[in-house]
Protein backbone atom coordinates (compact mmCIF):
# COMPACT_ATOMS: atom_id res chain seq x y z
CA UNK A 1 -38.76 -31.93 -35.12
CA UNK A 2 -38.82 -34.54 -32.43
CA UNK A 3 -35.64 -35.74 -30.55
CA UNK A 4 -35.36 -38.30 -27.97
CA UNK A 5 -32.77 -38.81 -24.89
CA UNK A 6 -29.87 -40.68 -25.54
CA UNK A 7 -30.52 -44.09 -24.66
CA UNK A 8 -27.93 -46.36 -22.74
CA UNK A 9 -25.51 -47.89 -25.44
CA UNK A 10 -24.50 -47.12 -28.90
CA UNK A 11 -24.08 -48.89 -31.88
CA UNK A 12 -23.91 -52.42 -31.66
CA UNK A 13 -26.94 -52.34 -28.46
CA UNK A 14 -29.76 -54.31 -28.10
CA UNK A 15 -32.25 -52.46 -26.82
CA UNK A 16 -35.05 -54.85 -26.35
CA UNK A 17 -35.49 -58.57 -27.27
CA UNK A 18 -35.33 -59.21 -30.98
CA UNK A 19 -35.80 -62.28 -33.57
CA UNK A 20 -33.82 -65.15 -32.38
CA UNK A 21 -30.54 -64.21 -32.16
CA UNK A 22 -29.18 -60.17 -31.29
CA UNK A 23 -26.33 -58.51 -32.42
CA UNK A 24 -22.93 -59.13 -32.03
CA UNK A 25 -21.11 -55.55 -31.03
CA UNK A 26 -20.25 -54.51 -34.20
CA UNK A 27 -15.73 -53.40 -34.52
CA UNK A 28 -15.46 -50.11 -35.32
CA UNK A 29 -13.37 -48.90 -38.80
CA UNK A 30 -11.53 -46.43 -38.85
CA UNK A 31 -13.38 -43.21 -39.81
CA UNK A 32 -12.67 -42.33 -43.34
CA UNK A 33 -10.56 -39.49 -44.65
CA UNK A 34 -12.78 -36.85 -46.64
CA UNK A 35 -11.41 -35.02 -49.37
CA UNK A 36 -13.14 -32.86 -52.03
CA UNK A 37 -13.53 -34.93 -55.32
CA UNK A 38 -15.00 -34.67 -58.40
CA UNK A 39 -18.91 -35.12 -58.68
CA UNK A 40 -19.00 -36.84 -61.83
CA UNK A 41 -19.02 -40.39 -62.64
CA UNK A 42 -21.65 -43.20 -61.91
CA UNK A 43 -22.72 -44.90 -58.45
CA UNK A 44 -24.91 -44.25 -55.62
CA UNK A 45 -24.05 -40.77 -54.01
CA UNK A 46 -25.09 -39.67 -50.51
CA UNK A 47 -27.16 -36.42 -49.77
CA UNK A 48 -25.91 -35.49 -47.07
CA UNK A 49 -27.58 -31.72 -44.73
CA UNK A 50 -26.82 -28.95 -42.15
CA UNK A 51 -27.69 -26.14 -41.79
CA UNK A 52 -25.76 -23.81 -44.05
CA UNK A 53 -24.63 -26.55 -46.65
CA UNK A 54 -25.82 -29.83 -48.38
CA UNK A 55 -23.31 -31.85 -49.96
CA UNK A 56 -22.99 -34.79 -52.40
CA UNK A 57 -20.62 -37.90 -50.79
CA UNK A 58 -19.61 -41.11 -51.64
CA UNK A 59 -20.14 -44.03 -49.68
CA UNK A 60 -16.75 -44.35 -49.43
CA UNK A 61 -16.98 -40.57 -47.95
CA UNK A 62 -15.19 -38.49 -50.13
CA UNK A 63 -17.07 -35.72 -50.66
CA UNK A 64 -18.31 -35.06 -54.44
CA UNK A 65 -19.67 -31.35 -53.89
CA UNK A 66 -20.94 -28.95 -51.31
CA UNK A 67 -22.90 -26.04 -52.00
CA UNK A 68 -23.74 -23.41 -49.39
CA UNK A 69 -27.04 -22.78 -48.71
CA UNK A 70 -29.44 -20.58 -46.36
CA UNK A 71 -30.25 -21.80 -42.39
CA UNK A 72 -32.41 -25.30 -43.25
CA UNK A 73 -32.60 -24.60 -46.75
CA UNK A 74 -32.16 -28.28 -47.61
CA UNK A 75 -34.33 -30.01 -45.32
CA UNK A 76 -36.94 -30.98 -48.09
CA UNK A 77 -34.12 -33.19 -49.08
CA UNK A 78 -35.09 -35.52 -46.61
CA UNK A 79 -38.57 -36.46 -47.49
CA UNK A 80 -37.29 -37.91 -51.46
CA UNK A 81 -37.78 -41.46 -51.69
CA UNK A 82 -33.95 -43.07 -52.47
CA UNK A 83 -34.42 -43.48 -55.48
CA UNK A 84 -34.33 -40.42 -56.96
CA UNK A 85 -31.77 -38.59 -59.13
CA UNK A 86 -31.62 -35.33 -57.69
CA UNK A 87 -32.34 -33.35 -54.38
CA UNK A 88 -35.07 -30.53 -54.03
CA UNK A 89 -33.78 -27.66 -51.88
CA UNK A 90 -34.57 -24.25 -51.00
CA UNK A 91 -37.24 -22.22 -48.87
CA UNK A 92 -40.12 -23.71 -48.31
CA UNK A 93 -41.80 -22.94 -45.11
CA UNK A 94 -41.62 -19.42 -43.66
CA UNK A 95 -41.38 -17.95 -40.34
CA UNK A 96 -45.00 -18.33 -39.33
CA UNK A 97 -45.05 -21.89 -40.57
CA UNK A 98 -46.78 -21.51 -43.60
CA UNK A 99 -45.20 -21.93 -47.34
CA UNK A 100 -43.11 -19.37 -48.36
CA UNK A 101 -43.87 -17.52 -51.27
CA UNK A 102 -42.93 -17.11 -53.39
CA UNK A 103 -41.08 -20.75 -53.29
CA UNK A 104 -37.18 -20.72 -53.80
CA UNK A 105 -36.47 -23.71 -54.76
CA UNK A 106 -34.05 -25.42 -56.46
CA UNK A 107 -32.57 -29.17 -57.63
CA UNK A 108 -29.31 -30.05 -57.00
CA UNK A 109 -28.78 -33.07 -58.80
CA UNK A 110 -25.45 -35.49 -58.93
CA UNK A 111 -22.97 -33.62 -60.85
CA UNK A 112 -23.19 -30.84 -58.56
CA UNK A 113 -25.11 -28.44 -60.84
CA UNK A 114 -28.06 -26.58 -59.20
CA UNK A 115 -31.16 -25.37 -61.36
CA UNK A 116 -33.69 -23.41 -60.20
CA UNK A 117 -37.15 -24.40 -60.30
CA UNK A 118 -39.42 -22.28 -62.51
CA UNK A 119 -41.77 -19.61 -60.55
CA UNK A 120 -44.38 -21.85 -62.77
CA UNK A 121 -43.92 -25.46 -60.97
CA UNK A 122 -43.13 -23.27 -57.56
CA UNK A 123 -46.79 -22.19 -58.09
CA UNK A 124 -47.96 -25.77 -58.77
CA UNK A 125 -45.67 -27.25 -55.63
CA UNK A 126 -47.24 -24.80 -53.07
CA UNK A 127 -50.37 -26.91 -53.48
CA UNK A 128 -49.46 -30.36 -53.47
CA UNK A 129 -48.11 -32.70 -50.42
CA UNK A 130 -44.41 -32.07 -50.84
CA UNK A 131 -43.37 -33.78 -48.15
CA UNK A 132 -44.96 -37.36 -48.84
CA UNK A 133 -42.40 -39.16 -50.16
CA UNK A 134 -41.67 -37.15 -53.59
CA UNK A 135 -39.59 -38.52 -56.46
CA UNK A 136 -37.21 -36.81 -58.81
CA UNK A 137 -37.12 -38.28 -62.44
CA UNK A 138 -34.38 -37.20 -65.16
CA UNK A 139 -33.57 -34.78 -62.85
CA UNK A 140 -36.32 -31.94 -63.83
CA UNK A 141 -39.29 -34.14 -63.04
CA UNK A 142 -41.37 -34.59 -59.51
CA UNK A 143 -43.59 -36.88 -58.85
CA UNK A 144 -46.07 -36.20 -55.84
CA UNK A 145 -49.49 -36.45 -54.27
CA UNK A 146 -52.59 -33.29 -54.94
CA UNK A 147 -54.97 -34.14 -52.56
CA UNK A 148 -58.41 -31.98 -52.94
CA UNK A 149 -61.10 -32.24 -50.37
CA UNK A 150 -64.28 -30.78 -52.33
CA UNK A 151 -67.31 -29.39 -50.38
CA UNK A 152 -69.64 -31.75 -52.65
CA UNK A 153 -68.32 -34.60 -53.06
CA UNK A 154 -65.78 -37.01 -52.65
CA UNK A 155 -62.70 -36.79 -52.40
CA UNK A 156 -60.11 -36.89 -54.61
CA UNK A 157 -56.23 -37.91 -55.16
CA UNK A 158 -54.60 -37.27 -58.08
CA UNK A 159 -50.37 -38.71 -58.75
CA UNK A 160 -48.81 -35.78 -61.13
CA UNK A 161 -45.75 -35.34 -62.50
CA UNK A 162 -44.56 -31.55 -62.36
CA UNK A 163 -41.41 -30.36 -64.89
CA UNK A 164 -39.65 -28.87 -62.62
CA UNK A 165 -38.60 -25.99 -65.60
CA UNK A 166 -41.44 -25.52 -67.19
CA UNK A 167 -44.17 -25.88 -64.73
CA UNK A 168 -46.44 -28.47 -66.64
CA UNK A 169 -48.19 -30.61 -64.71
CA UNK A 170 -49.05 -34.13 -66.16
CA UNK A 171 -51.45 -36.48 -64.56
CA UNK A 172 -50.58 -40.02 -63.69
CA UNK A 173 -52.94 -41.73 -61.76
CA UNK A 174 -56.37 -39.84 -60.50
CA UNK A 175 -58.25 -41.93 -57.53
CA UNK A 176 -61.74 -41.43 -55.97
CA UNK A 177 -62.43 -42.21 -52.47
CA UNK A 178 -65.23 -45.07 -51.55
CA UNK A 179 -67.65 -44.28 -48.96
CA UNK A 180 -66.31 -44.61 -45.50
CA UNK A 181 -67.88 -48.28 -44.16
CA UNK A 182 -69.59 -47.60 -40.52
CA UNK A 183 -71.02 -49.70 -38.30
CA UNK A 184 -75.09 -50.18 -38.45
CA UNK A 185 -76.48 -46.50 -37.07
CA UNK A 186 -73.25 -44.66 -37.30
CA UNK A 187 -73.24 -41.42 -38.00
CA UNK A 188 -71.15 -40.02 -41.14
CA UNK A 189 -67.32 -38.18 -40.97
CA UNK A 190 -65.58 -35.74 -42.52
CA UNK A 191 -64.48 -36.22 -45.80
CA UNK A 192 -60.84 -37.13 -45.76
CA UNK A 193 -57.97 -37.57 -48.11
CA UNK A 194 -57.88 -40.70 -50.30
CA UNK A 195 -54.92 -42.80 -48.54
CA UNK A 196 -52.23 -42.83 -51.22
CA UNK A 197 -48.69 -43.34 -50.64
CA UNK A 198 -46.08 -43.91 -52.83
CA UNK A 199 -43.54 -47.46 -52.41
CA UNK A 200 -40.93 -46.03 -54.46
CA UNK A 201 -38.64 -47.16 -57.81
CA UNK A 202 -37.76 -50.54 -59.10
CA UNK A 203 -33.67 -50.56 -58.30
CA UNK A 204 -32.88 -49.48 -61.78
CA UNK A 205 -35.71 -46.23 -61.57
CA UNK A 206 -37.80 -47.05 -64.71
CA UNK A 207 -40.71 -47.95 -62.85
CA UNK A 208 -42.29 -45.98 -59.75
CA UNK A 209 -44.76 -48.12 -57.22
CA UNK A 210 -48.01 -46.03 -55.67
CA UNK A 211 -50.49 -47.54 -53.25
CA UNK A 212 -53.89 -47.15 -53.10
CA UNK A 213 -56.60 -47.57 -50.12
CA UNK A 214 -60.53 -47.61 -50.19
CA UNK A 215 -60.47 -45.86 -53.69
CA UNK A 216 -62.01 -45.93 -57.53
CA UNK A 217 -58.71 -45.79 -59.84
CA UNK A 218 -59.78 -46.18 -63.77
CA UNK A 219 -63.81 -47.29 -62.65
CA UNK A 220 -61.93 -50.75 -60.74
CA UNK A 221 -63.38 -50.23 -56.63
CA UNK A 222 -60.72 -50.97 -54.47
CA UNK A 223 -61.74 -51.85 -51.54
CA UNK A 224 -58.94 -52.48 -49.76
CA UNK A 225 -54.79 -52.02 -50.22
CA UNK A 226 -53.43 -52.23 -53.69
CA UNK A 227 -50.27 -51.06 -55.57
CA UNK A 228 -49.99 -49.65 -58.97
CA UNK A 229 -46.47 -49.37 -61.48
CA UNK A 230 -46.40 -46.47 -63.16
CA UNK A 231 -43.66 -46.59 -66.42
CA UNK A 232 -41.46 -43.76 -66.07
CA UNK A 233 -40.64 -43.84 -69.37
CA UNK A 234 -43.95 -43.49 -71.37
CA UNK A 235 -45.91 -43.02 -67.68
CA UNK A 236 -48.52 -45.86 -68.79
CA UNK A 237 -50.23 -47.52 -65.43
CA UNK A 238 -50.31 -51.04 -64.59
CA UNK A 239 -52.38 -53.10 -61.77
CA UNK A 240 -53.77 -52.63 -59.52
CA UNK A 241 -51.92 -55.47 -57.39
CA UNK A 242 -53.42 -56.54 -54.50
CA UNK A 243 -51.58 -55.85 -51.33
CA UNK A 244 -52.44 -56.55 -47.60
CA UNK A 245 -54.49 -54.17 -46.10
CA UNK A 246 -52.73 -53.42 -42.78
CA UNK A 247 -51.88 -49.52 -42.46
CA UNK A 248 -48.39 -48.74 -43.15
CA UNK A 249 -46.71 -51.00 -45.39
CA UNK A 250 -43.15 -51.31 -47.41
CA UNK A 251 -42.33 -52.92 -50.47
CA UNK A 252 -39.30 -54.34 -52.11
CA UNK A 253 -37.76 -52.54 -54.92
CA UNK A 254 -38.39 -55.76 -56.96
CA UNK A 255 -42.17 -56.11 -55.71
CA UNK A 256 -41.32 -59.47 -53.87
CA UNK A 257 -42.10 -58.52 -50.23
CA UNK A 258 -44.40 -56.45 -48.42
CA UNK A 259 -43.51 -55.74 -44.41
CA UNK A 260 -45.53 -54.34 -41.97
CA UNK A 261 -45.93 -54.25 -38.02
CA UNK A 262 -48.59 -54.88 -35.91
CA UNK A 263 -49.39 -54.50 -32.39
CA UNK A 264 -50.52 -57.12 -29.78
CA UNK A 265 -51.46 -57.73 -26.30
CA UNK A 266 -48.97 -60.00 -24.30
CA UNK A 267 -49.82 -60.65 -20.86
CA UNK A 268 -51.51 -57.26 -19.95
CA UNK A 269 -48.56 -55.61 -22.22
CA UNK A 270 -48.14 -54.61 -25.89
CA UNK A 271 -45.83 -55.99 -28.10
CA UNK A 272 -45.23 -55.46 -31.79
CA UNK A 273 -44.84 -58.11 -34.50
CA UNK A 274 -42.98 -57.74 -37.53
CA UNK A 275 -44.76 -59.42 -41.03
CA UNK A 276 -43.12 -60.29 -44.06
CA UNK A 277 -45.03 -61.54 -47.11
CA UNK A 278 -43.77 -63.34 -50.16
CA UNK A 279 -46.14 -61.40 -53.19
CA UNK A 280 -46.27 -64.16 -55.07
CA UNK A 281 -46.76 -67.04 -53.08
CA UNK A 282 -48.78 -65.40 -50.06
CA UNK A 283 -46.02 -67.57 -47.63
CA UNK A 284 -46.13 -64.93 -44.80
CA UNK A 285 -43.22 -64.81 -41.89
CA UNK A 286 -43.66 -63.57 -38.80
CA UNK A 287 -40.94 -61.75 -36.29
CA UNK A 288 -42.76 -61.42 -32.64
CA UNK A 289 -42.20 -58.43 -30.70
CA UNK A 290 -39.95 -56.76 -32.14
CA UNK A 291 -37.93 -53.73 -30.19
CA UNK A 292 -38.64 -50.99 -31.91
CA UNK A 293 -42.40 -49.66 -33.94
CA UNK A 294 -42.57 -46.97 -36.21
CA UNK A 295 -46.19 -45.66 -37.89
CA UNK A 296 -45.06 -43.28 -39.82
CA UNK A 297 -45.28 -43.65 -43.68
CA UNK A 298 -43.56 -46.91 -44.56
CA UNK A 299 -43.64 -48.49 -41.18
CA UNK A 300 -39.81 -46.97 -40.81
CA UNK A 301 -39.42 -50.34 -42.89
CA UNK A 302 -36.78 -50.55 -45.50
CA UNK A 303 -35.07 -53.47 -47.88
CA UNK A 304 -31.52 -53.85 -49.01
CA UNK A 305 -31.61 -53.90 -52.65
CA UNK A 306 -30.76 -57.75 -53.03
CA UNK A 307 -33.88 -58.66 -50.64
CA UNK A 308 -31.07 -60.46 -48.14
CA UNK A 309 -32.13 -57.78 -45.63
CA UNK A 310 -34.42 -55.59 -44.26
CA UNK A 311 -34.30 -52.71 -41.39
CA UNK A 312 -36.73 -51.42 -39.17
CA UNK A 313 -36.25 -48.61 -37.43
CA UNK A 314 -38.53 -47.22 -34.63
CA UNK A 315 -39.46 -46.10 -31.35
CA UNK A 316 -37.86 -48.54 -28.37
CA UNK A 317 -37.25 -48.81 -24.60
CA UNK A 318 -35.52 -45.69 -23.73
CA UNK A 319 -34.29 -44.75 -27.23
CA UNK A 320 -35.20 -44.46 -31.22
CA UNK A 321 -33.20 -47.29 -32.91
CA UNK A 322 -32.55 -49.52 -35.62
CA UNK A 323 -32.52 -53.36 -36.05
CA UNK A 324 -31.63 -55.29 -39.02
CA UNK A 325 -32.97 -58.79 -39.74
CA UNK A 326 -31.50 -61.71 -42.21
CA UNK A 327 -35.11 -62.40 -44.56
CA UNK A 328 -33.55 -65.65 -45.36
CA UNK A 329 -34.12 -66.68 -41.60
CA UNK A 330 -35.60 -63.93 -40.18
CA UNK A 331 -33.26 -63.56 -37.27
CA UNK A 332 -31.88 -60.51 -35.78
CA UNK A 333 -28.49 -59.61 -37.07
CA UNK A 334 -27.58 -55.98 -35.81
CA UNK A 335 -29.26 -53.78 -33.73
CA UNK A 336 -28.13 -50.20 -32.35
CA UNK A 337 -29.78 -46.89 -30.79
CA UNK A 338 -30.26 -44.41 -33.47
CA UNK A 339 -32.00 -40.70 -31.80
CA UNK A 340 -33.81 -39.79 -34.95
CA UNK A 341 -36.37 -36.88 -35.88
CA UNK A 342 -39.59 -38.49 -35.85
CA UNK A 343 -40.24 -37.61 -39.33
CA UNK A 344 -41.07 -39.18 -42.54
CA UNK A 345 -38.15 -40.76 -44.21
CA UNK A 346 -35.60 -38.72 -42.31
CA UNK A 347 -36.32 -41.62 -39.63
CA UNK A 348 -35.27 -44.38 -42.09
CA UNK A 349 -31.65 -45.94 -42.59
CA UNK A 350 -30.59 -45.51 -46.12
CA UNK A 351 -29.17 -49.04 -47.96
CA UNK A 352 -26.29 -48.56 -50.07
CA UNK A 353 -26.47 -50.22 -53.72
CA UNK A 354 -24.25 -53.08 -52.27
CA UNK A 355 -27.01 -54.99 -50.29
CA UNK A 356 -25.21 -54.90 -46.94
CA UNK A 357 -24.43 -51.72 -45.81
CA UNK A 358 -26.46 -49.02 -44.27
CA UNK A 359 -26.19 -45.23 -43.91
CA UNK A 360 -27.61 -43.53 -40.80
CA UNK A 361 -27.62 -41.16 -38.29
CA UNK A 362 -27.75 -40.84 -34.68
CA UNK A 363 -28.18 -37.33 -32.45
CA UNK A 364 -27.17 -36.16 -29.33
CA UNK A 365 -29.07 -32.40 -28.21
CA UNK A 366 -28.52 -31.20 -31.63
CA UNK A 367 -25.59 -32.84 -33.18
CA UNK A 368 -27.08 -34.85 -35.83
CA UNK A 369 -24.01 -36.98 -37.19
CA UNK A 370 -23.88 -40.05 -40.25
CA UNK A 371 -23.06 -43.35 -39.52
CA UNK A 372 -22.31 -46.08 -42.09
CA UNK A 373 -22.44 -49.97 -40.54
CA UNK A 374 -21.42 -53.30 -42.74
CA UNK A 375 -24.30 -55.53 -41.47
CA UNK A 376 -22.39 -58.57 -42.50
CA UNK A 377 -19.42 -58.05 -40.14
CA UNK A 378 -20.39 -55.45 -38.21
CA UNK A 379 -17.84 -52.85 -38.69
CA UNK A 380 -19.18 -49.47 -38.07
CA UNK A 381 -17.54 -46.13 -39.37
CA UNK A 382 -18.24 -42.59 -38.71
CA UNK A 383 -18.70 -39.77 -41.23
CA UNK A 384 -17.41 -36.00 -39.90
CA UNK A 385 -19.67 -34.44 -37.43
CA UNK A 386 -19.44 -31.42 -40.22
CA UNK A 387 -21.38 -33.00 -43.06
CA UNK A 388 -24.24 -33.40 -41.23
CA UNK A 389 -27.27 -35.87 -41.47
CA UNK A 390 -27.36 -38.50 -44.91
CA UNK A 391 -30.76 -37.68 -45.58
CA UNK A 392 -31.09 -39.11 -49.58
CA UNK A 393 -29.16 -41.46 -51.48
CA UNK A 394 -29.57 -40.35 -55.32
CA UNK A 395 -29.90 -43.67 -57.68
CA UNK A 396 -26.90 -44.65 -60.41
CA UNK A 397 -26.61 -42.34 -63.52
């Protein structure tokens, strides 16, 4: 993991020029009282991880459950998309940096239950891309990418459903790479994996979305970027639905908006713009010179549940940080320094289901802690340090 030194300012600091309006200084609210409580009941739960423990925490700060785990064994959960309904925990990498064999993984559900992943399923997971936004559905099915680059023939990637209890693998969508587009006289390149990225699910968790770039799917050539809808009850696939072919892109849960950042040069200096596209109408808004940039999966971008706000997290001048924009006006409403590791999804803030509260982490040396921010009022509150880092919001039951 990579860490950056803390830049000037904390929550409420505005590092760099952004949109037309900068943030106001948040007013700190009292630290919530954390008390163990029953893990049952509906509503979103936040998964916190630290060395030695993983916890389920309600948005108000009450602890629903705590499980002791070996050091770092819960880190896989930070890669999951936050409409998963359970967290995948356990040993994955060994001391040599390669997957440990046999894998010792478990499912940590929203009731605090732990179910061991079967040896058959663990064997499957050893050969797939477990760190590219996996989604757990129904507490036992994991959606992951299985990428293959054969010695001959085009590369393929398959989006599969893995039954973590029985080990059964069900292919959902197969994409075959189109030939690389080369300039006249250009030499051929080494085969590469199909560009396939999960984009999350609908807000009710019934449909998952998957982006595919420059590939053949179901006999249809996709020369740019497109996404497919996957009904998680029947596994029926519909699409493709066109997306801008711009690299890393994020999409809102209702598929109303897509967003991405883009670099350009102004007065011999590199600046970054944020583009927001309304998919149904084609209307595009551009927010110039945003203070942070992120080239990892999803571009560090998340939409609030009701599409009122968009958060962008990434590198800035002096530290990593988070900026929040009002989608109705495209004005910047909040910004804060937040030194986080440069990893997919570990570096993307989490939105509560109330549509205006953001959960995020800051890092000071080895001290990683969670915070919450009301983007409307600017009020902030800290979670106790011993909870560790918020990495996943489990879907409501």
